[in-house]
All heavy atoms as atom14 arrays in JSON, in Angstrom:
{
  "sequence": "VRSGENPDLTTRQKHTRECFVVAAEGADKAKIEAEIKNMPNYFADY",
  "atom14_mask": [
    [1, 1, 1, 1, 1, 1, 1, 0, 0, 0, 0, 0, 0, 0],
    [1, 1, 1, 1, 1, 1, 1, 1, 1, 1, 1, 0, 0, 0],
    [1, 1, 1, 1, 1, 1, 0, 0, 0, 0, 0, 0, 0, 0],
    [1, 1, 1, 1, 0, 0, 0, 0, 0, 0, 0, 0, 0, 0],
    [1, 1, 1, 1, 1, 1, 1, 1, 1, 0, 0, 0, 0, 0],
    [1, 1, 1, 1, 1, 1, 1, 1, 0, 0, 0, 0, 0, 0],
    [1, 1, 1, 1, 1, 1, 1, 0, 0, 0, 0, 0, 0, 0],
    [1, 1, 1, 1, 1, 1, 1, 1, 0, 0, 0, 0, 0, 0],
    [1, 1, 1, 1, 1, 1, 1, 1, 0, 0, 0, 0, 0, 0],
    [1, 1, 1, 1, 1, 1, 1, 0, 0, 0, 0, 0, 0, 0],
    [1, 1, 1, 1, 1, 1, 1, 0, 0, 0, 0, 0, 0, 0],
    [1, 1, 1, 1, 1, 1, 1, 1, 1, 1, 1, 0, 0, 0],
    [1, 1, 1, 1, 1, 1, 1, 1, 1, 0, 0, 0, 0, 0],
    [1, 1, 1, 1, 1, 1, 1, 1, 1, 0, 0, 0, 0, 0],
    [1, 1, 1, 1, 1, 1, 1, 1, 1, 1, 0, 0, 0, 0],
    [1, 1, 1, 1, 1, 1, 1, 0, 0, 0, 0, 0, 0, 0],
    [1, 1, 1, 1, 1, 1, 1, 1, 1, 1, 1, 0, 0, 0],
    [1, 1, 1, 1, 1, 1, 1, 1, 1, 0, 0, 0, 0, 0],
    [1, 1, 1, 1, 1, 1, 0, 0, 0, 0, 0, 0, 0, 0],
    [1, 1, 1, 1, 1, 1, 1, 1, 1, 1, 1, 0, 0, 0],
    [1, 1, 1, 1, 1, 1, 1, 0, 0, 0, 0, 0, 0, 0],
    [1, 1, 1, 1, 1, 1, 1, 0, 0, 0, 0, 0, 0, 0],
    [1, 1, 1, 1, 1, 0, 0, 0, 0, 0, 0, 0, 0, 0],
    [1, 1, 1, 1, 1, 0, 0, 0, 0, 0, 0, 0, 0, 0],
    [1, 1, 1, 1, 1, 1, 1, 1, 1, 0, 0, 0, 0, 0],
    [1, 1, 1, 1, 0, 0, 0, 0, 0, 0, 0, 0, 0, 0],
    [1, 1, 1, 1, 1, 0, 0, 0, 0, 0, 0, 0, 0, 0],
    [1, 1, 1, 1, 1, 1, 1, 1, 0, 0, 0, 0, 0, 0],
    [1, 1, 1, 1, 1, 1, 1, 1, 1, 0, 0, 0, 0, 0],
    [1, 1, 1, 1, 1, 0, 0, 0, 0, 0, 0, 0, 0, 0],
    [1, 1, 1, 1, 1, 1, 1, 1, 1, 0, 0, 0, 0, 0],
    [1, 1, 1, 1, 1, 1, 1, 1, 0, 0, 0, 0, 0, 0],
    [1, 1, 1, 1, 1, 1, 1, 1, 1, 0, 0, 0, 0, 0],
    [1, 1, 1, 1, 1, 0, 0, 0, 0, 0, 0, 0, 0, 0],
    [1, 1, 1, 1, 1, 1, 1, 1, 1, 0, 0, 0, 0, 0],
    [1, 1, 1, 1, 1, 1, 1, 1, 0, 0, 0, 0, 0, 0],
    [1, 1, 1, 1, 1, 1, 1, 1, 1, 0, 0, 0, 0, 0],
    [1, 1, 1, 1, 1, 1, 1, 1, 0, 0, 0, 0, 0, 0],
    [1, 1, 1, 1, 1, 1, 1, 1, 0, 0, 0, 0, 0, 0],
    [1, 1, 1, 1, 1, 1, 1, 0, 0, 0, 0, 0, 0, 0],
    [1, 1, 1, 1, 1, 1, 1, 1, 0, 0, 0, 0, 0, 0],
    [1, 1, 1, 1, 1, 1, 1, 1, 1, 1, 1, 1, 0, 0],
    [1, 1, 1, 1, 1, 1, 1, 1, 1, 1, 1, 0, 0, 0],
    [1, 1, 1, 1, 1, 0, 0, 0, 0, 0, 0, 0, 0, 0],
    [1, 1, 1, 1, 1, 1, 1, 1, 0, 0, 0, 0, 0, 0],
    [1, 1, 1, 1, 1, 1, 1, 1, 1, 1, 1, 1, 0, 0]
  ],
  "atom14_positions": [
    [[-1.21, -23.21, -20.39], [-2.49, -23.86, -20.53], [-3.08, -23.61, -21.95], [-3.62, -24.48, -22.58], [-3.45, -23.26, -19.44], [-4.84, -23.71, -19.76], [-2.98, -23.74, -18.05], [0.0, 0.0, 0.0], [0.0, 0.0, 0.0], [0.0, 0.0, 0.0], [0.0, 0.0, 0.0], [0.0, 0.0, 0.0], [0.0, 0.0, 0.0], [0.0, 0.0, 0.0]],
    [[-2.91, -22.4, -22.45], [-3.5, -22.04, -23.78], [-2.8, -22.78, -24.84], [-3.42, -23.09, -25.93], [-3.34, -20.53, -23.94], [-4.32, -19.68, -23.27], [-4.03, -18.17, -23.47], [-5.16, -17.33, -22.98], [-4.93, -16.09, -22.61], [-3.78, -15.51, -22.68], [-6.04, -15.41, -22.2], [0.0, 0.0, 0.0], [0.0, 0.0, 0.0], [0.0, 0.0, 0.0]],
    [[-1.59, -23.21, -24.63], [-0.81, -23.92, -25.68], [-1.19, -25.4, -25.6], [-0.69, -26.12, -26.49], [0.68, -23.69, -25.47], [1.14, -24.43, -24.32], [0.0, 0.0, 0.0], [0.0, 0.0, 0.0], [0.0, 0.0, 0.0], [0.0, 0.0, 0.0], [0.0, 0.0, 0.0], [0.0, 0.0, 0.0], [0.0, 0.0, 0.0], [0.0, 0.0, 0.0]],
    [[-1.99, -25.81, -24.73], [-2.41, -27.22, -24.6], [-1.44, -28.15, -23.92], [-1.5, -29.4, -24.11], [0.0, 0.0, 0.0], [0.0, 0.0, 0.0], [0.0, 0.0, 0.0], [0.0, 0.0, 0.0], [0.0, 0.0, 0.0], [0.0, 0.0, 0.0], [0.0, 0.0, 0.0], [0.0, 0.0, 0.0], [0.0, 0.0, 0.0], [0.0, 0.0, 0.0]],
    [[-0.58, -27.61, -23.15], [0.5, -28.38, -22.45], [-0.12, -29.19, -21.29], [0.46, -30.12, -20.86], [1.6, -27.5, -21.92], [2.46, -26.8, -23.04], [3.52, -25.97, -22.43], [3.78, -26.1, -21.18], [3.97, -25.11, -23.15], [0.0, 0.0, 0.0], [0.0, 0.0, 0.0], [0.0, 0.0, 0.0], [0.0, 0.0, 0.0], [0.0, 0.0, 0.0]],
    [[-1.33, -28.85, -20.79], [-1.91, -29.49, -19.63], [-1.08, -29.65, -18.46], [-0.86, -30.58, -17.91], [-2.49, -30.95, -20.05], [-3.64, -30.91, -21.01], [-4.2, -29.89, -21.17], [-3.99, -32.09, -21.46], [0.0, 0.0, 0.0], [0.0, 0.0, 0.0], [0.0, 0.0, 0.0], [0.0, 0.0, 0.0], [0.0, 0.0, 0.0], [0.0, 0.0, 0.0]],
    [[-0.48, -28.47, -18.02], [0.46, -28.54, -16.84], [-0.31, -28.77, -15.59], [-1.46, -28.44, -15.35], [0.99, -27.06, -16.89], [-0.07, -26.22, -17.48], [-0.74, -27.13, -18.5], [0.0, 0.0, 0.0], [0.0, 0.0, 0.0], [0.0, 0.0, 0.0], [0.0, 0.0, 0.0], [0.0, 0.0, 0.0], [0.0, 0.0, 0.0], [0.0, 0.0, 0.0]],
    [[0.37, -29.48, -14.65], [-0.19, -29.54, -13.22], [0.34, -28.36, -12.45], [1.5, -28.14, -12.29], [0.34, -30.79, -12.62], [-0.32, -32.02, -13.16], [-1.55, -32.03, -13.41], [0.37, -33.07, -13.42], [0.0, 0.0, 0.0], [0.0, 0.0, 0.0], [0.0, 0.0, 0.0], [0.0, 0.0, 0.0], [0.0, 0.0, 0.0], [0.0, 0.0, 0.0]],
    [[-0.55, -27.49, -12.07], [-0.16, -26.19, -11.45], [-0.64, -26.1, -9.97], [-1.71, -26.49, -9.73], [-0.9, -25.01, -12.21], [-0.45, -24.86, -13.69], [-1.4, -23.87, -14.42], [0.97, -24.43, -13.8], [0.0, 0.0, 0.0], [0.0, 0.0, 0.0], [0.0, 0.0, 0.0], [0.0, 0.0, 0.0], [0.0, 0.0, 0.0], [0.0, 0.0, 0.0]],
    [[0.34, -25.63, -9.16], [-0.08, -25.42, -7.74], [-0.74, -24.07, -7.66], [-0.81, -23.25, -8.62], [1.14, -25.39, -6.82], [2.03, -24.17, -7.28], [1.94, -26.58, -7.03], [0.0, 0.0, 0.0], [0.0, 0.0, 0.0], [0.0, 0.0, 0.0], [0.0, 0.0, 0.0], [0.0, 0.0, 0.0], [0.0, 0.0, 0.0], [0.0, 0.0, 0.0]],
    [[-1.36, -23.78, -6.49], [-2.03, -22.57, -6.23], [-1.04, -21.34, -6.49], [-1.45, -20.3, -7.19], [-2.51, -22.5, -4.76], [-3.53, -23.52, -4.66], [-3.11, -21.19, -4.42], [0.0, 0.0, 0.0], [0.0, 0.0, 0.0], [0.0, 0.0, 0.0], [0.0, 0.0, 0.0], [0.0, 0.0, 0.0], [0.0, 0.0, 0.0], [0.0, 0.0, 0.0]],
    [[0.19, -21.5, -6.02], [1.16, -20.42, -6.1], [1.53, -20.17, -7.54], [1.86, -19.11, -7.95], [2.44, -20.79, -5.23], [3.4, -19.61, -5.13], [4.54, -20.07, -4.22], [4.06, -20.4, -2.92], [3.94, -19.49, -1.94], [4.17, -18.21, -2.11], [3.55, -19.86, -0.76], [0.0, 0.0, 0.0], [0.0, 0.0, 0.0], [0.0, 0.0, 0.0]],
    [[1.58, -21.28, -8.35], [1.92, -21.11, -9.8], [0.89, -20.5, -10.67], [1.18, -20.02, -11.73], [2.31, -22.54, -10.31], [3.57, -23.11, -9.77], [3.77, -24.49, -10.19], [2.87, -25.32, -10.24], [5.06, -24.9, -10.6], [0.0, 0.0, 0.0], [0.0, 0.0, 0.0], [0.0, 0.0, 0.0], [0.0, 0.0, 0.0], [0.0, 0.0, 0.0]],
    [[-0.42, -20.42, -10.19], [-1.43, -19.9, -11.06], [-1.65, -18.39, -10.87], [-2.08, -17.72, -11.81], [-2.75, -20.72, -10.8], [-2.71, -22.05, -11.3], [-4.13, -22.73, -11.38], [-4.62, -22.94, -9.92], [-5.89, -23.75, -9.93], [0.0, 0.0, 0.0], [0.0, 0.0, 0.0], [0.0, 0.0, 0.0], [0.0, 0.0, 0.0], [0.0, 0.0, 0.0]],
    [[-1.6, -17.91, -9.59], [-1.94, -16.53, -9.35], [-0.95, -15.91, -8.43], [-0.4, -16.62, -7.51], [-3.29, -16.43, -8.64], [-4.43, -16.91, -9.51], [-4.9, -18.21, -9.48], [-5.2, -16.21, -10.47], [-5.9, -18.32, -10.33], [-6.11, -17.18, -10.91], [0.0, 0.0, 0.0], [0.0, 0.0, 0.0], [0.0, 0.0, 0.0], [0.0, 0.0, 0.0]],
    [[-0.78, -14.55, -8.55], [-0.06, -13.82, -7.5], [-1.09, -12.79, -6.91], [-2.15, -12.59, -7.53], [1.07, -12.99, -8.08], [0.57, -12.09, -9.11], [2.11, -13.92, -8.74], [0.0, 0.0, 0.0], [0.0, 0.0, 0.0], [0.0, 0.0, 0.0], [0.0, 0.0, 0.0], [0.0, 0.0, 0.0], [0.0, 0.0, 0.0], [0.0, 0.0, 0.0]],
    [[-0.74, -12.2, -5.84], [-1.61, -11.2, -5.14], [-0.78, -9.97, -4.82], [0.33, -10.02, -4.36], [-2.2, -11.84, -3.86], [-3.07, -13.1, -4.11], [-3.92, -13.47, -2.92], [-4.8, -14.61, -3.19], [-5.96, -14.53, -3.88], [-6.4, -13.44, -4.35], [-6.61, -15.64, -4.04], [0.0, 0.0, 0.0], [0.0, 0.0, 0.0], [0.0, 0.0, 0.0]],
    [[-1.48, -8.85, -5.11], [-0.78, -7.47, -4.96], [-1.74, -6.62, -4.11], [-2.84, -6.5, -4.44], [-0.55, -6.86, -6.29], [0.33, -5.6, -6.27], [0.76, -5.18, -7.71], [0.22, -5.6, -8.64], [1.69, -4.34, -7.66], [0.0, 0.0, 0.0], [0.0, 0.0, 0.0], [0.0, 0.0, 0.0], [0.0, 0.0, 0.0], [0.0, 0.0, 0.0]],
    [[-1.11, -6.13, -3.0], [-1.89, -5.39, -2.03], [-1.42, -3.96, -2.02], [-0.28, -3.65, -1.99], [-1.71, -5.99, -0.58], [-2.14, -7.76, -0.54], [0.0, 0.0, 0.0], [0.0, 0.0, 0.0], [0.0, 0.0, 0.0], [0.0, 0.0, 0.0], [0.0, 0.0, 0.0], [0.0, 0.0, 0.0], [0.0, 0.0, 0.0], [0.0, 0.0, 0.0]],
    [[-2.37, -3.07, -1.97], [-2.14, -1.63, -1.76], [-2.76, -1.24, -0.45], [-3.97, -1.27, -0.26], [-2.71, -0.84, -2.94], [-1.99, -1.13, -4.3], [-2.42, -2.15, -5.0], [-0.92, -0.42, -4.64], [-1.71, -2.48, -6.24], [-0.18, -0.64, -5.8], [-0.68, -1.76, -6.7], [0.0, 0.0, 0.0], [0.0, 0.0, 0.0], [0.0, 0.0, 0.0]],
    [[-1.92, -0.76, 0.5], [-2.34, -0.58, 1.87], [-2.07, 0.74, 2.34], [-0.99, 1.42, 2.18], [-1.49, -1.6, 2.73], [-1.83, -1.43, 4.32], [-1.82, -3.02, 2.4], [0.0, 0.0, 0.0], [0.0, 0.0, 0.0], [0.0, 0.0, 0.0], [0.0, 0.0, 0.0], [0.0, 0.0, 0.0], [0.0, 0.0, 0.0], [0.0, 0.0, 0.0]],
    [[-3.05, 1.39, 3.02], [-2.92, 2.61, 3.77], [-2.74, 2.3, 5.22], [-3.61, 1.78, 5.86], [-4.14, 3.54, 3.53], [-3.94, 4.81, 4.31], [-4.35, 3.75, 2.08], [0.0, 0.0, 0.0], [0.0, 0.0, 0.0], [0.0, 0.0, 0.0], [0.0, 0.0, 0.0], [0.0, 0.0, 0.0], [0.0, 0.0, 0.0], [0.0, 0.0, 0.0]],
    [[-1.56, 2.65, 5.8], [-1.2, 2.29, 7.19], [-1.46, 3.48, 8.07], [-1.34, 4.68, 7.55], [0.22, 1.93, 7.31], [0.0, 0.0, 0.0], [0.0, 0.0, 0.0], [0.0, 0.0, 0.0], [0.0, 0.0, 0.0], [0.0, 0.0, 0.0], [0.0, 0.0, 0.0], [0.0, 0.0, 0.0], [0.0, 0.0, 0.0], [0.0, 0.0, 0.0]],
    [[-1.87, 3.2, 9.25], [-1.97, 4.3, 10.22], [-0.65, 4.92, 10.57], [0.35, 4.32, 10.49], [-2.62, 3.74, 11.52], [0.0, 0.0, 0.0], [0.0, 0.0, 0.0], [0.0, 0.0, 0.0], [0.0, 0.0, 0.0], [0.0, 0.0, 0.0], [0.0, 0.0, 0.0], [0.0, 0.0, 0.0], [0.0, 0.0, 0.0], [0.0, 0.0, 0.0]],
    [[-0.72, 6.21, 10.94], [0.47, 6.89, 11.22], [1.24, 6.2, 12.44], [0.57, 5.92, 13.49], [0.17, 8.38, 11.68], [1.46, 9.21, 11.87], [1.13, 10.72, 12.18], [0.0, 11.03, 11.88], [2.04, 11.41, 12.49], [0.0, 0.0, 0.0], [0.0, 0.0, 0.0], [0.0, 0.0, 0.0], [0.0, 0.0, 0.0], [0.0, 0.0, 0.0]],
    [[2.44, 5.93, 12.23], [3.24, 5.27, 13.23], [3.14, 3.72, 13.39], [3.7, 3.05, 14.14], [0.0, 0.0, 0.0], [0.0, 0.0, 0.0], [0.0, 0.0, 0.0], [0.0, 0.0, 0.0], [0.0, 0.0, 0.0], [0.0, 0.0, 0.0], [0.0, 0.0, 0.0], [0.0, 0.0, 0.0], [0.0, 0.0, 0.0], [0.0, 0.0, 0.0]],
    [[2.31, 3.22, 12.53], [2.11, 1.74, 12.5], [3.38, 0.99, 11.98], [4.15, 1.56, 11.23], [0.93, 1.36, 11.54], [0.0, 0.0, 0.0], [0.0, 0.0, 0.0], [0.0, 0.0, 0.0], [0.0, 0.0, 0.0], [0.0, 0.0, 0.0], [0.0, 0.0, 0.0], [0.0, 0.0, 0.0], [0.0, 0.0, 0.0], [0.0, 0.0, 0.0]],
    [[3.57, -0.22, 12.46], [4.75, -1.04, 12.12], [4.43, -1.66, 10.75], [3.74, -2.65, 10.67], [4.91, -2.06, 13.2], [6.2, -2.9, 12.97], [6.73, -2.91, 11.87], [6.7, -3.48, 13.97], [0.0, 0.0, 0.0], [0.0, 0.0, 0.0], [0.0, 0.0, 0.0], [0.0, 0.0, 0.0], [0.0, 0.0, 0.0], [0.0, 0.0, 0.0]],
    [[5.01, -1.06, 9.73], [4.71, -1.52, 8.38], [5.27, -2.92, 8.13], [4.64, -3.76, 7.38], [5.22, -0.59, 7.32], [4.54, 0.77, 7.35], [5.0, 1.66, 6.26], [4.17, 3.09, 6.29], [4.82, 4.04, 5.29], [0.0, 0.0, 0.0], [0.0, 0.0, 0.0], [0.0, 0.0, 0.0], [0.0, 0.0, 0.0], [0.0, 0.0, 0.0]],
    [[6.36, -3.21, 8.66], [7.03, -4.58, 8.49], [6.14, -5.64, 9.1], [5.93, -6.72, 8.55], [8.43, -4.62, 9.15], [0.0, 0.0, 0.0], [0.0, 0.0, 0.0], [0.0, 0.0, 0.0], [0.0, 0.0, 0.0], [0.0, 0.0, 0.0], [0.0, 0.0, 0.0], [0.0, 0.0, 0.0], [0.0, 0.0, 0.0], [0.0, 0.0, 0.0]],
    [[5.58, -5.27, 10.23], [4.67, -6.27, 11.0], [3.39, -6.47, 10.12], [2.81, -7.55, 9.96], [4.31, -5.74, 12.33], [3.41, -6.64, 13.19], [3.26, -6.09, 14.58], [2.36, -6.98, 15.43], [0.93, -6.99, 15.05], [0.0, 0.0, 0.0], [0.0, 0.0, 0.0], [0.0, 0.0, 0.0], [0.0, 0.0, 0.0], [0.0, 0.0, 0.0]],
    [[2.83, -5.37, 9.57], [1.63, -5.44, 8.71], [1.92, -6.29, 7.46], [1.13, -7.12, 7.16], [1.18, -4.01, 8.31], [0.61, -3.18, 9.52], [0.12, -4.05, 7.24], [0.33, -1.77, 9.19], [0.0, 0.0, 0.0], [0.0, 0.0, 0.0], [0.0, 0.0, 0.0], [0.0, 0.0, 0.0], [0.0, 0.0, 0.0], [0.0, 0.0, 0.0]],
    [[3.05, -6.01, 6.86], [3.32, -6.85, 5.63], [3.47, -8.29, 5.98], [2.99, -9.17, 5.25], [4.65, -6.33, 5.04], [5.08, -6.97, 3.74], [6.28, -6.33, 3.05], [6.71, -5.33, 3.54], [6.74, -6.96, 2.05], [0.0, 0.0, 0.0], [0.0, 0.0, 0.0], [0.0, 0.0, 0.0], [0.0, 0.0, 0.0], [0.0, 0.0, 0.0]],
    [[4.16, -8.6, 7.03], [4.38, -10.06, 7.4], [3.03, -10.64, 7.76], [2.8, -11.87, 7.43], [5.3, -10.11, 8.63], [0.0, 0.0, 0.0], [0.0, 0.0, 0.0], [0.0, 0.0, 0.0], [0.0, 0.0, 0.0], [0.0, 0.0, 0.0], [0.0, 0.0, 0.0], [0.0, 0.0, 0.0], [0.0, 0.0, 0.0], [0.0, 0.0, 0.0]],
    [[2.16, -10.01, 8.43], [0.84, -10.55, 8.76], [0.04, -10.84, 7.55], [-0.69, -11.9, 7.45], [0.07, -9.6, 9.76], [-1.16, -10.23, 10.29], [-1.75, -9.43, 11.47], [-1.06, -8.62, 12.06], [-3.03, -9.65, 11.73], [0.0, 0.0, 0.0], [0.0, 0.0, 0.0], [0.0, 0.0, 0.0], [0.0, 0.0, 0.0], [0.0, 0.0, 0.0]],
    [[0.06, -9.89, 6.52], [-0.68, -10.07, 5.34], [-0.11, -11.26, 4.65], [-0.91, -12.27, 4.22], [-0.56, -8.83, 4.46], [-1.43, -7.7, 5.1], [-1.13, -9.12, 3.12], [-1.28, -6.38, 4.4], [0.0, 0.0, 0.0], [0.0, 0.0, 0.0], [0.0, 0.0, 0.0], [0.0, 0.0, 0.0], [0.0, 0.0, 0.0], [0.0, 0.0, 0.0]],
    [[1.18, -11.39, 4.4], [1.71, -12.42, 3.54], [1.59, -13.8, 4.13], [1.6, -14.73, 3.47], [3.28, -12.08, 3.4], [3.55, -10.96, 2.41], [5.0, -10.75, 2.26], [5.27, -9.75, 1.09], [6.75, -9.58, 0.87], [0.0, 0.0, 0.0], [0.0, 0.0, 0.0], [0.0, 0.0, 0.0], [0.0, 0.0, 0.0], [0.0, 0.0, 0.0]],
    [[1.48, -13.85, 5.55], [1.34, -15.18, 6.19], [-0.1, -15.49, 6.57], [-0.3, -16.47, 7.28], [2.21, -15.19, 7.42], [3.76, -15.11, 7.02], [4.21, -16.06, 6.38], [4.36, -14.11, 7.39], [0.0, 0.0, 0.0], [0.0, 0.0, 0.0], [0.0, 0.0, 0.0], [0.0, 0.0, 0.0], [0.0, 0.0, 0.0], [0.0, 0.0, 0.0]],
    [[-1.06, -14.76, 6.09], [-2.45, -14.96, 6.43], [-3.02, -16.22, 5.79], [-3.0, -16.32, 4.61], [-3.3, -13.74, 6.01], [-4.76, -13.75, 6.54], [-5.66, -12.34, 5.93], [-4.76, -10.92, 6.59], [0.0, 0.0, 0.0], [0.0, 0.0, 0.0], [0.0, 0.0, 0.0], [0.0, 0.0, 0.0], [0.0, 0.0, 0.0], [0.0, 0.0, 0.0]],
    [[-3.38, -17.21, 6.63], [-3.91, -18.5, 6.06], [-5.22, -18.29, 5.32], [-6.0, -17.43, 5.69], [-4.09, -19.35, 7.31], [-4.19, -18.43, 8.47], [-3.38, -17.29, 8.08], [0.0, 0.0, 0.0], [0.0, 0.0, 0.0], [0.0, 0.0, 0.0], [0.0, 0.0, 0.0], [0.0, 0.0, 0.0], [0.0, 0.0, 0.0], [0.0, 0.0, 0.0]],
    [[-5.36, -19.1, 4.33], [-6.62, -19.1, 3.44], [-6.66, -17.82, 2.55], [-7.52, -17.93, 1.61], [-7.78, -19.22, 4.25], [-7.86, -20.43, 5.14], [-7.46, -21.48, 4.72], [-8.33, -20.26, 6.42], [0.0, 0.0, 0.0], [0.0, 0.0, 0.0], [0.0, 0.0, 0.0], [0.0, 0.0, 0.0], [0.0, 0.0, 0.0], [0.0, 0.0, 0.0]],
    [[-5.83, -16.94, 2.75], [-6.0, -15.75, 1.86], [-4.6, -15.42, 1.16], [-4.64, -15.28, -0.14], [-6.27, -14.55, 2.75], [-7.72, -14.43, 3.22], [-8.1, -15.01, 4.43], [-8.62, -13.81, 2.4], [-9.4, -14.99, 4.77], [-9.97, -13.79, 2.74], [-10.35, -14.35, 3.93], [-11.64, -14.3, 4.33], [0.0, 0.0, 0.0], [0.0, 0.0, 0.0]],
    [[-3.45, -15.4, 1.85], [-2.22, -15.05, 1.17], [-1.06, -15.91, 1.33], [-0.09, -15.99, 0.57], [-1.86, -13.6, 1.73], [-2.85, -12.49, 1.29], [-3.69, -12.09, 2.43], [-2.98, -11.98, 0.14], [-4.57, -11.11, 2.13], [-3.81, -10.97, -0.14], [-4.72, -10.54, 0.88], [0.0, 0.0, 0.0], [0.0, 0.0, 0.0], [0.0, 0.0, 0.0]],
    [[-1.13, -16.81, 2.31], [0.04, -17.7, 2.7], [0.4, -18.67, 1.53], [1.58, -18.92, 1.35], [-0.24, -18.56, 3.86], [0.0, 0.0, 0.0], [0.0, 0.0, 0.0], [0.0, 0.0, 0.0], [0.0, 0.0, 0.0], [0.0, 0.0, 0.0], [0.0, 0.0, 0.0], [0.0, 0.0, 0.0], [0.0, 0.0, 0.0], [0.0, 0.0, 0.0]],
    [[-0.57, -18.97, 0.69], [-0.22, -19.93, -0.47], [0.11, -19.21, -1.79], [0.23, -19.84, -2.78], [-1.4, -20.82, -0.67], [-1.65, -21.8, 0.5], [-0.71, -22.1, 1.23], [-2.86, -22.13, 0.68], [0.0, 0.0, 0.0], [0.0, 0.0, 0.0], [0.0, 0.0, 0.0], [0.0, 0.0, 0.0], [0.0, 0.0, 0.0], [0.0, 0.0, 0.0]],
    [[0.38, -17.9, -1.72], [0.58, -17.13, -2.84], [1.84, -16.32, -2.74], [2.28, -15.94, -1.65], [-0.57, -16.19, -3.21], [-1.92, -16.9, -3.47], [-2.73, -17.2, -2.32], [-2.33, -17.18, -4.71], [-3.98, -17.8, -2.52], [-3.55, -17.82, -4.98], [-4.38, -18.2, -3.84], [-5.54, -18.77, -4.11], [0.0, 0.0, 0.0], [0.0, 0.0, 0.0]]
  ]
}
């Protein structure tokens, strides 16, 4: 964008999201990660 290329960018191409999570003892971390990554309107498009 700064170079003046005027690219057409999707939501995924513009931003990434990084989460730092404190899980409860014994919680299913794989399930938590999948739920976060697939959360509509928040993370699914990134």
